[in-house]
Amino acid sequence: MSADASTHHPGQSGTRSDLPVATAIEKPARPGGANAGVAIVVKPRVLLVGGAVALIGVAVFTLFLWMVPNAAARELKAACAGLKAEHELYPALCPNGTKCSVPALAPDFTAQDITGKMVKLSDFRDKPGSRGKVVLLNFWASWCGLCKSEKPQLNAMASDMASKDDFVVLALASDRSWADALTAVLESLAPDAVPEGKPVMEKVSAAFRQALPDGTPFKVLLDPPNGDENIGKITASWGIKAVPESALIDRHGNIRAYFANKRDWQSPVAETCLRSVIDDE
């Protein structure tokens, strides 16, 4: 059978000549069957069009990957705007020791809780096979009136969020003794239960257990200051010179929002801000 009878060429009836096509041409027969002599030749125009489409697809996908985290950051910024979050961080929190913006990796630390257990901030980060927690880290002190006035809202918020396994509130106290720190918690949450006189651990501990038998929904950690300083060693290492301040930290250990001074943690805007990070991942 001749090539004219077996092959359909561009320009014949039923075919548009302005479209790129793959053309089958006859080659000398080779062993291996009836179709062994037919080869497919792709015209350069087909390659150019296909390559352009592929490049456009790669560009769109790359743009999408770039936009997703930026969109998430904008949404978080908007969610925490009502709570007046700080977006610039202290140089001590930045990789090069100069001012930077969120997100930034939170410096790790180890501090003691009321049971004597040593708690590391990095314990709450994502690990292989273990999902991390979002942390609200609250810096405070027993001698700070604003800190104590902030505690009822912090306590109520932590109680409301207690059912969420992926969120925890850490209250890092710049105090030299547990007696001082627990007395301040009692003054904030159960003022009628505060023992008279100078804080003594035995009396304070008994009063604390009686007034707050279930403890607090936030975890208190102790951060003793150096020498005559008022600010705890860990707190000072973050560049903090006054309390209260708070950092909202995601499951990867990154500071996502920062708050100087007290906040109403029970407010709707606070809930929106917190949930924007909790629900982000």
Foldseek 3Di string as FASTA:
>chain_A
DDPVVPFDDPPDPPHDNVDFDWGWDFAPDDPDDDCRRIDIDGDVVVVVVVVVVVVVVVVVVVVVVVVVVVVLLVLLCVLCVVQVWDFWFQLLQDPVSDIDGPWGFGDWDWFAFPVRDIDIPLVQADDVVDFGAKEKEKEEELVDPLRLQQVVLVQVLLVVCLVPPRYAYEYEYAADDPQSVLLSNCCRPPVVLRDDDDRDPVSSVVSQCVVCVVHTSHIYTYFYCPDPDRGGPVCVSSVDDDDTKIFTAANNRIGSTIGGTHTRCNDPSNVSSNVSRVVVD
